[in-house]
PDB file of N, CA and C in Angstrom:
ATOM      1  N   MET A   1       0.787  -1.333  -0.030  1.00  0.00           N
ATOM      2  CA  MET A   1       0.110   0.108   0.204  1.00  0.00           C
ATOM      3  C   MET A   1       0.812   1.206   0.068  1.00  0.00           C
ATOM      4  N   ASP A   2       2.074   1.165   0.640  1.00  0.00           N
ATOM      5  CA  ASP A   2       3.011   2.286   0.644  1.00  0.00           C
ATOM      6  C   ASP A   2       3.456   2.633  -0.664  1.00  0.00           C
ATOM      7  N   MET A   3       3.809   2.010  -1.734  1.00  0.00           N
ATOM      8  CA  MET A   3       4.315   2.223  -2.826  1.00  0.00           C
ATOM      9  C   MET A   3       3.079   2.688  -3.824  1.00  0.00           C
ATOM     10  N   LEU A   4       1.847   2.414  -3.425  1.00  0.00           N
ATOM     11  CA  LEU A   4       0.808   2.840  -4.181  1.00  0.00           C
ATOM     12  C   LEU A   4       0.381   4.230  -3.839  1.00  0.00           C
ATOM     13  N   SER A   5       0.710   4.781  -2.532  1.00  0.00           N
ATOM     14  CA  SER A   5       0.391   5.925  -2.057  1.00  0.00           C
ATOM     15  C   SER A   5       1.333   6.817  -2.682  1.00  0.00           C
ATOM     16  N   LYS A   6       2.408   6.560  -3.051  1.00  0.00           N
ATOM     17  CA  LYS A   6       3.753   7.143  -3.626  1.00  0.00           C
ATOM     18  C   LYS A   6       3.571   7.779  -5.001  1.00  0.00           C
ATOM     19  N   GLY A   7       2.675   6.975  -5.596  1.00  0.00           N
ATOM     20  CA  GLY A   7       2.655   7.211  -7.114  1.00  0.00           C
ATOM     21  C   GLY A   7       1.965   5.943  -7.857  1.00  0.00           C
ATOM     22  N   THR A   8       1.682   6.121  -9.130  1.00  0.00           N
ATOM     23  CA  THR A   8       1.263   5.111 -10.040  1.00  0.00           C
ATOM     24  C   THR A   8       2.605   4.125 -10.154  1.00  0.00           C
ATOM     25  N   VAL A   9       2.075   2.861 -10.148  1.00  0.00           N
ATOM     26  CA  VAL A   9       2.982   1.840 -10.380  1.00  0.00           C
ATOM     27  C   VAL A   9       2.144   0.419 -11.256  1.00  0.00           C
ATOM     28  N   THR A  10       2.857  -0.031 -11.911  1.00  0.00           N
ATOM     29  CA  THR A  10       2.343  -1.297 -12.737  1.00  0.00           C
ATOM     30  C   THR A  10       2.439  -2.516 -12.110  1.00  0.00           C
ATOM     31  N   LEU A  11       1.961  -3.553 -12.431  1.00  0.00           N
ATOM     32  CA  LEU A  11       2.239  -4.663 -11.774  1.00  0.00           C
ATOM     33  C   LEU A  11       3.734  -5.302 -12.089  1.00  0.00           C
ATOM     34  N   GLN A  12       4.309  -5.086 -13.021  1.00  0.00           N
ATOM     35  CA  GLN A  12       5.764  -5.400 -13.433  1.00  0.00           C
ATOM     36  C   GLN A  12       6.696  -4.548 -12.273  1.00  0.00           C
ATOM     37  N   GLU A  13       6.252  -3.198 -11.922  1.00  0.00           N
ATOM     38  CA  GLU A  13       7.043  -2.635 -11.030  1.00  0.00           C
ATOM     39  C   GLU A  13       6.974  -3.038  -9.801  1.00  0.00           C
ATOM     40  N   LEU A  14       5.853  -3.272  -9.336  1.00  0.00           N
ATOM     41  CA  LEU A  14       5.507  -4.117  -8.174  1.00  0.00           C
ATOM     42  C   LEU A  14       6.269  -5.300  -7.926  1.00  0.00           C
ATOM     43  N   SER A  15       6.389  -6.058  -8.895  1.00  0.00           N
ATOM     44  CA  SER A  15       6.971  -7.612  -8.971  1.00  0.00           C
ATOM     45  C   SER A  15       8.351  -7.268  -8.740  1.00  0.00           C
ATOM     46  N   VAL A  16       9.146  -6.270  -9.377  1.00  0.00           N
ATOM     47  CA  VAL A  16      10.524  -6.186  -9.161  1.00  0.00           C
ATOM     48  C   VAL A  16      10.857  -5.614  -7.689  1.00  0.00           C
ATOM     49  N   GLU A  17      10.155  -4.663  -7.358  1.00  0.00           N
ATOM     50  CA  GLU A  17      10.266  -4.022  -6.235  1.00  0.00           C
ATOM     51  C   GLU A  17      10.206  -4.989  -4.935  1.00  0.00           C
ATOM     52  N   LEU A  18       9.011  -5.582  -4.925  1.00  0.00           N
ATOM     53  CA  LEU A  18       8.661  -6.545  -3.996  1.00  0.00           C
ATOM     54  C   LEU A  18       9.216  -7.906  -3.846  1.00  0.00           C
ATOM     55  N   HIS A  19       9.875  -8.304  -5.039  1.00  0.00           N
ATOM     56  CA  HIS A  19      10.395  -9.541  -5.430  1.00  0.00           C
ATOM     57  C   HIS A  19       9.459 -10.673  -5.025  1.00  0.00           C
ATOM     58  N   MET A  20       8.406 -10.319  -5.791  1.00  0.00           N
ATOM     59  CA  MET A  20       7.513 -11.314  -5.833  1.00  0.00           C
ATOM     60  C   MET A  20       6.892 -11.451  -7.318  1.00  0.00           C
ATOM     61  N   SER A  21       6.164 -12.634  -7.850  1.00  0.00           N
ATOM     62  CA  SER A  21       5.612 -12.737  -9.094  1.00  0.00           C
ATOM     63  C   SER A  21       4.347 -12.068  -9.464  1.00  0.00           C
ATOM     64  N   VAL A  22       4.241 -11.722 -10.567  1.00  0.00           N
ATOM     65  CA  VAL A  22       2.796 -10.928 -10.653  1.00  0.00           C
ATOM     66  C   VAL A  22       1.859 -11.509 -10.326  1.00  0.00           C
ATOM     67  N   LYS A  23       1.745 -13.046 -10.464  1.00  0.00           N
ATOM     68  CA  LYS A  23       0.514 -13.751  -9.951  1.00  0.00           C
ATOM     69  C   LYS A  23       0.264 -13.596  -8.471  1.00  0.00           C
ATOM     70  N   GLU A  24       1.462 -13.565  -7.834  1.00  0.00           N
ATOM     71  CA  GLU A  24       1.575 -13.337  -6.192  1.00  0.00           C
ATOM     72  C   GLU A  24       0.706 -11.991  -6.090  1.00  0.00           C
ATOM     73  N   ILE A  25       1.144 -11.102  -6.718  1.00  0.00           N
ATOM     74  CA  ILE A  25       0.870  -9.561  -6.506  1.00  0.00           C
ATOM     75  C   ILE A  25      -0.777  -9.505  -6.906  1.00  0.00           C
ATOM     76  N   LEU A  26      -1.094 -10.205  -7.815  1.00  0.00           N
ATOM     77  CA  LEU A  26      -2.575 -10.332  -8.089  1.00  0.00           C
ATOM     78  C   LEU A  26      -3.329 -10.919  -7.179  1.00  0.00           C
ATOM     79  N   VAL A  27      -2.934 -11.790  -6.405  1.00  0.00           N
ATOM     80  CA  VAL A  27      -3.663 -12.204  -5.194  1.00  0.00           C
ATOM     81  C   VAL A  27      -3.950 -11.108  -4.273  1.00  0.00           C
ATOM     82  N   HIS A  28      -2.726 -10.396  -4.020  1.00  0.00           N
ATOM     83  CA  HIS A  28      -2.950  -9.554  -3.025  1.00  0.00           C
ATOM     84  C   HIS A  28      -3.684  -8.030  -3.125  1.00  0.00           C
ATOM     85  N   LEU A  29      -3.514  -7.906  -4.467  1.00  0.00           N
ATOM     86  CA  LEU A  29      -4.138  -6.412  -4.939  1.00  0.00           C
ATOM     87  C   LEU A  29      -5.575  -6.401  -4.724  1.00  0.00           C
ATOM     88  N   PRO A  30      -6.517  -7.300  -5.023  1.00  0.00           N
ATOM     89  CA  PRO A  30      -7.934  -7.202  -4.629  1.00  0.00           C
ATOM     90  C   PRO A  30      -8.288  -6.645  -3.034  1.00  0.00           C
ATOM     91  N   HIS A  31      -7.204  -7.326  -2.260  1.00  0.00           N
ATOM     92  CA  HIS A  31      -7.399  -7.221  -0.830  1.00  0.00           C
ATOM     93  C   HIS A  31      -7.175  -5.845  -0.411  1.00  0.00           C
ATOM     94  N   ILE A  32      -5.933  -5.296  -1.241  1.00  0.00           N
ATOM     95  CA  ILE A  32      -5.464  -3.874  -0.872  1.00  0.00           C
ATOM     96  C   ILE A  32      -6.776  -2.979  -1.484  1.00  0.00           C
ATOM     97  N   GLN A  33      -7.183  -3.229  -2.609  1.00  0.00           N
ATOM     98  CA  GLN A  33      -8.469  -2.463  -3.081  1.00  0.00           C
ATOM     99  C   GLN A  33      -9.624  -2.232  -2.217  1.00  0.00           C
ATOM    100  N   LYS A  34      -9.802  -3.666  -1.657  1.00  0.00           N
ATOM    101  CA  LYS A  34     -10.875  -3.332  -0.484  1.00  0.00           C
ATOM    102  C   LYS A  34     -10.547  -2.819   0.807  1.00  0.00           C
ATOM    103  N   SER A  35      -9.394  -2.621   0.953  1.00  0.00           N
ATOM    104  CA  SER A  35      -8.941  -2.176   2.581  1.00  0.00           C
ATOM    105  C   SER A  35      -9.001  -0.534   2.268  1.00  0.00           C
ATOM    106  N   VAL A  36      -8.765  -0.142   1.329  1.00  0.00           N
ATOM    107  CA  VAL A  36      -8.568   1.364   1.110  1.00  0.00           C
ATOM    108  C   VAL A  36      -9.884   2.126   1.506  1.00  0.00           C
ATOM    109  N   ARG A  37      -9.884   2.974   2.481  1.00  0.00           N
ATOM    110  CA  ARG A  37     -11.021   3.534   3.085  1.00  0.00           C
ATOM    111  C   ARG A  37     -11.088   5.096   2.869  1.00  0.00           C
ATOM    112  N   PRO A  38     -12.244   5.630   2.516  1.00  0.00           N
ATOM    113  CA  PRO A  38     -12.430   7.071   2.268  1.00  0.00           C
ATOM    114  C   PRO A  38     -11.583   7.857   3.413  1.00  0.00           C
ATOM    115  N   PRO A  39     -11.089   8.750   3.002  1.00  0.00           N
ATOM    116  CA  PRO A  39     -11.284   9.672   1.655  1.00  0.00           C
ATOM    117  C   PRO A  39     -10.494   9.188   0.707  1.00  0.00           C
ATOM    118  N   ALA A  40      -9.422   8.166   1.086  1.00  0.00           N
ATOM    119  CA  ALA A  40      -8.568   7.612   0.208  1.00  0.00           C
ATOM    120  C   ALA A  40      -9.311   6.694  -0.850  1.00  0.00           C
ATOM    121  N   ARG A  41      -8.694   6.701  -2.123  1.00  0.00           N
ATOM    122  CA  ARG A  41      -9.398   5.977  -3.128  1.00  0.00           C
ATOM    123  C   ARG A  41      -8.273   5.157  -3.893  1.00  0.00           C
ATOM    124  N   PHE A  42      -8.834   3.844  -4.335  1.00  0.00           N
ATOM    125  CA  PHE A  42      -7.801   3.066  -5.084  1.00  0.00           C
ATOM    126  C   PHE A  42      -8.189   3.454  -6.300  1.00  0.00           C
ATOM    127  N   ILE A  43      -7.162   3.742  -7.327  1.00  0.00           N
ATOM    128  CA  ILE A  43      -7.220   4.111  -8.587  1.00  0.00           C
ATOM    129  C   ILE A  43      -6.443   3.280  -9.644  1.00  0.00           C
ATOM    130  N   ILE A  44      -7.486   2.907 -10.642  1.00  0.00           N
ATOM    131  CA  ILE A  44      -6.877   2.050 -11.782  1.00  0.00           C
ATOM    132  C   ILE A  44      -6.713   3.056 -12.856  1.00  0.00           C
ATOM    133  N   GLU A  45      -5.438   3.176 -13.382  1.00  0.00           N
ATOM    134  CA  GLU A  45      -5.264   3.883 -14.575  1.00  0.00           C
ATOM    135  C   GLU A  45      -5.443   2.879 -15.806  1.00  0.00           C
ATOM    136  N   PRO A  46      -6.206   2.965 -16.911  1.00  0.00           N
ATOM    137  CA  PRO A  46      -6.502   2.028 -17.694  1.00  0.00           C
ATOM    138  C   PRO A  46      -5.478   1.626 -18.687  1.00  0.00           C
ATOM    139  N   ALA A  47      -5.379   0.430 -19.149  1.00  0.00           N
ATOM    140  CA  ALA A  47      -4.312  -0.049 -19.926  1.00  0.00           C
ATOM    141  C   ALA A  47      -4.448   0.641 -21.286  1.00  0.00           C
ATOM    142  N   LEU A  48      -3.493   0.707 -22.244  1.00  0.00           N
ATOM    143  CA  LEU A  48      -3.728   1.399 -23.608  1.00  0.00           C
ATOM    144  C   LEU A  48      -3.004   0.759 -24.544  1.00  0.00           C
ATOM    145  N   CYS A  49      -3.687   0.512 -25.829  1.00  0.00           N
ATOM    146  CA  CYS A  49      -2.990  -0.121 -26.848  1.00  0.00           C
ATOM    147  C   CYS A  49      -2.057   0.723 -27.478  1.00  0.00           C
ATOM    148  N   LEU A  50      -0.702   0.170 -27.538  1.00  0.00           N
ATOM    149  CA  LEU A  50       0.547   1.141 -28.161  1.00  0.00           C
ATOM    150  C   LEU A  50       0.084   1.235 -29.899  1.00  0.00           C
ATOM    151  N   ASN A  51      -0.509   0.234 -30.163  1.00  0.00           N
ATOM    152  CA  ASN A  51      -0.704   0.166 -31.873  1.00  0.00           C
ATOM    153  C   ASN A  51      -1.832   1.209 -32.390  1.00  0.00           C
ATOM    154  N   CYS A  52      -3.046   1.096 -31.669  1.00  0.00           N
ATOM    155  CA  CYS A  52      -4.004   1.876 -32.303  1.00  0.00           C
ATOM    156  C   CYS A  52      -4.476   3.040 -31.210  1.00  0.00           C
ATOM    157  N   GLY A  53      -4.031   3.088 -30.162  1.00  0.00           N
ATOM    158  CA  GLY A  53      -4.361   4.221 -29.032  1.00  0.00           C
ATOM    159  C   GLY A  53      -5.705   3.710 -28.218  1.00  0.00           C
ATOM    160  N   TYR A  54      -6.183   2.469 -28.365  1.00  0.00           N
ATOM    161  CA  TYR A  54      -7.364   2.068 -27.667  1.00  0.00           C
ATOM    162  C   TYR A  54      -7.185   2.002 -26.254  1.00  0.00           C
ATOM    163  N   VAL A  55      -8.127   2.593 -25.461  1.00  0.00           N
ATOM    164  CA  VAL A  55      -8.049   2.811 -23.755  1.00  0.00           C
ATOM    165  C   VAL A  55      -8.993   1.741 -23.340  1.00  0.00           C
ATOM    166  N   PHE A  56      -8.525   1.010 -22.370  1.00  0.00           N
ATOM    167  CA  PHE A  56      -9.450  -0.139 -21.678  1.00  0.00           C
ATOM    168  C   PHE A  56     -10.083   0.511 -20.648  1.00  0.00           C
ATOM    169  N   LYS A  57     -10.944   1.529 -20.623  1.00  0.00           N
ATOM    170  CA  LYS A  57     -11.260   2.554 -19.579  1.00  0.00           C
ATOM    171  C   LYS A  57     -12.452   2.038 -18.826  1.00  0.00           C
ATOM    172  N   ASP A  58     -13.258   0.876 -19.436  1.00  0.00           N
ATOM    173  CA  ASP A  58     -14.266   0.165 -18.517  1.00  0.00           C
ATOM    174  C   ASP A  58     -13.988  -1.075 -18.118  1.00  0.00           C
ATOM    175  N   ARG A  59     -12.617  -1.415 -18.330  1.00  0.00           N
ATOM    176  CA  ARG A  59     -12.131  -2.758 -17.652  1.00  0.00           C
ATOM    177  C   ARG A  59     -12.015  -2.664 -16.344  1.00  0.00           C
ATOM    178  N   THR A  60     -12.384  -3.898 -15.458  1.00  0.00           N
ATOM    179  CA  THR A  60     -12.654  -3.846 -14.109  1.00  0.00           C
ATOM    180  C   THR A  60     -11.482  -5.067 -13.448  1.00  0.00           C
ATOM    181  N   LYS A  61     -11.258  -5.783 -14.402  1.00  0.00           N
ATOM    182  CA  LYS A  61     -10.107  -6.860 -14.128  1.00  0.00           C
ATOM    183  C   LYS A  61      -8.779  -6.136 -13.618  1.00  0.00           C
ATOM    184  N   LEU A  62      -8.044  -6.683 -12.776  1.00  0.00           N
ATOM    185  CA  LEU A  62      -6.710  -5.948 -12.392  1.00  0.00           C
ATOM    186  C   LEU A  62      -5.627  -6.359 -13.156  1.00  0.00           C
ATOM    187  N   HIS A  63      -5.446  -7.403 -13.887  1.00  0.00           N
ATOM    188  CA  HIS A  63      -4.363  -7.878 -14.813  1.00  0.00           C
ATOM    189  C   HIS A  63      -4.422  -7.255 -16.048  1.00  0.00           C
ATOM    190  N   SER A  64      -3.344  -7.464 -16.753  1.00  0.00           N
ATOM    191  CA  SER A  64      -3.230  -6.568 -18.044  1.00  0.00           C
ATOM    192  C   SER A  64      -3.974  -7.370 -18.955  1.00  0.00           C
ATOM    193  N   PRO A  65      -4.762  -6.722 -20.014  1.00  0.00           N
ATOM    194  CA  PRO A  65      -5.258  -7.380 -21.141  1.00  0.00           C
ATOM    195  C   PRO A  65      -4.246  -7.953 -22.164  1.00  0.00           C
ATOM    196  N   GLY A  66      -4.663  -9.131 -22.701  1.00  0.00           N
ATOM    197  CA  GLY A  66      -4.051  -9.777 -23.690  1.00  0.00           C
ATOM    198  C   GLY A  66      -3.809  -9.178 -24.892  1.00  0.00           C
ATOM    199  N   LYS A  67      -4.911  -8.789 -25.784  1.00  0.00           N
ATOM    200  CA  LYS A  67      -4.861  -8.115 -26.778  1.00  0.00           C
ATOM    201  C   LYS A  67      -5.877  -7.029 -26.802  1.00  0.00           C
ATOM    202  N   CYS A  68      -5.653  -6.188 -27.866  1.00  0.00           N
ATOM    203  CA  CYS A  68      -6.749  -4.967 -28.247  1.00  0.00           C
ATOM    204  C   CYS A  68      -7.930  -5.512 -28.766  1.00  0.00           C
ATOM    205  N   PRO A  69      -9.019  -5.228 -28.405  1.00  0.00           N
ATOM    206  CA  PRO A  69     -10.427  -5.669 -29.071  1.00  0.00           C
ATOM    207  C   PRO A  69     -10.486  -5.025 -30.368  1.00  0.00           C
ATOM    208  N   ARG A  70     -10.025  -3.890 -30.535  1.00  0.00           N
ATOM    209  CA  ARG A  70     -10.252  -3.135 -31.763  1.00  0.00           C
ATOM    210  C   ARG A  70      -9.174  -3.565 -32.823  1.00  0.00           C
ATOM    211  N   CYS A  71      -7.925  -3.784 -32.612  1.00  0.00           N
ATOM    212  CA  CYS A  71      -7.034  -4.037 -33.606  1.00  0.00           C
ATOM    213  C   CYS A  71      -6.246  -5.407 -33.441  1.00  0.00           C
ATOM    214  N   ARG A  72      -6.722  -6.115 -32.469  1.00  0.00           N
ATOM    215  CA  ARG A  72      -6.192  -7.654 -32.224  1.00  0.00           C
ATOM    216  C   ARG A  72      -4.681  -7.565 -31.959  1.00  0.00           C
ATOM    217  N   GLU A  73      -3.979  -6.620 -31.556  1.00  0.00           N
ATOM    218  CA  GLU A  73      -2.704  -6.714 -31.557  1.00  0.00           C
ATOM    219  C   GLU A  73      -2.303  -6.746 -30.066  1.00  0.00           C
ATOM    220  N   SER A  74      -1.216  -7.295 -29.564  1.00  0.00           N
ATOM    221  CA  SER A  74      -0.971  -7.526 -28.227  1.00  0.00           C
ATOM    222  C   SER A  74       0.322  -6.719 -27.563  1.00  0.00           C
ATOM    223  N   HIS A  75       0.301  -5.338 -28.582  1.00  0.00           N
ATOM    224  CA  HIS A  75       1.104  -4.668 -27.823  1.00  0.00           C
ATOM    225  C   HIS A  75       0.486  -3.547 -26.962  1.00  0.00           C
ATOM    226  N   VAL A  76       0.376  -3.818 -25.834  1.00  0.00           N
ATOM    227  CA  VAL A  76      -0.469  -3.280 -24.381  1.00  0.00           C
ATOM    228  C   VAL A  76       0.173  -2.595 -23.456  1.00  0.00           C
ATOM    229  N   GLN A  77      -0.029  -1.607 -23.255  1.00  0.00           N
ATOM    230  CA  GLN A  77       0.634  -1.004 -22.159  1.00  0.00           C
ATOM    231  C   GLN A  77      -0.040  -1.501 -20.784  1.00  0.00           C
ATOM    232  N   GLU A  78       0.612  -1.891 -19.953  1.00  0.00           N
ATOM    233  CA  GLU A  78       0.084  -2.315 -18.497  1.00  0.00           C
ATOM    234  C   GLU A  78      -0.997  -0.969 -17.767  1.00  0.00           C
ATOM    235  N   PRO A  79      -1.998  -1.494 -17.446  1.00  0.00           N
ATOM    236  CA  PRO A  79      -2.300  -0.677 -16.435  1.00  0.00           C
ATOM    237  C   PRO A  79      -1.726  -0.055 -15.206  1.00  0.00           C
ATOM    238  N   GLY A  80      -1.896   0.993 -14.585  1.00  0.00           N
ATOM    239  CA  GLY A  80      -1.288   1.723 -13.489  1.00  0.00           C
ATOM    240  C   GLY A  80      -2.178   1.528 -12.071  1.00  0.00           C
ATOM    241  N   TYR A  81      -1.658   1.527 -11.082  1.00  0.00           N
ATOM    242  CA  TYR A  81      -2.352   1.420  -9.976  1.00  0.00           C
ATOM    243  C   TYR A  81      -1.808   2.487  -8.957  1.00  0.00           C
ATOM    244  N   ARG A  82      -2.743   3.116  -8.213  1.00  0.00           N
ATOM    245  CA  ARG A  82      -2.339   4.149  -6.993  1.00  0.00           C
ATOM    246  C   ARG A  82      -3.503   4.283  -6.056  1.00  0.00           C
ATOM    247  N   ILE A  83      -2.872   4.829  -4.823  1.00  0.00           N
ATOM    248  CA  ILE A  83      -3.873   5.098  -3.651  1.00  0.00           C
ATOM    249  C   ILE A  83      -3.781   6.679  -3.711  1.00  0.00           C
ATOM    250  N   GLU A  84      -4.955   7.277  -3.697  1.00  0.00           N
ATOM    251  CA  GLU A  84      -5.026   8.882  -3.506  1.00  0.00           C
ATOM    252  C   GLU A  84      -5.681   9.388  -2.694  1.00  0.00           C
TER     253      GLU A  84
END
């Protein structure tokens, strides 16, 4: 939670910093999301297709999407997470 409070981070950045696999972090992230109490908020910055610019704004899943629904490319920027 401390890293998320300092700024936006991706799953990969959390994995490197915490010396955990992305799968392990995905197990803990929903618990962190539920434990954030107002006035703080858990923010998910949506993933972005780097090929066509599609923004995954309505996505509620925490893991990165595999392919873009518009152009079907897999060159997708990871979503970012933060607590503000």
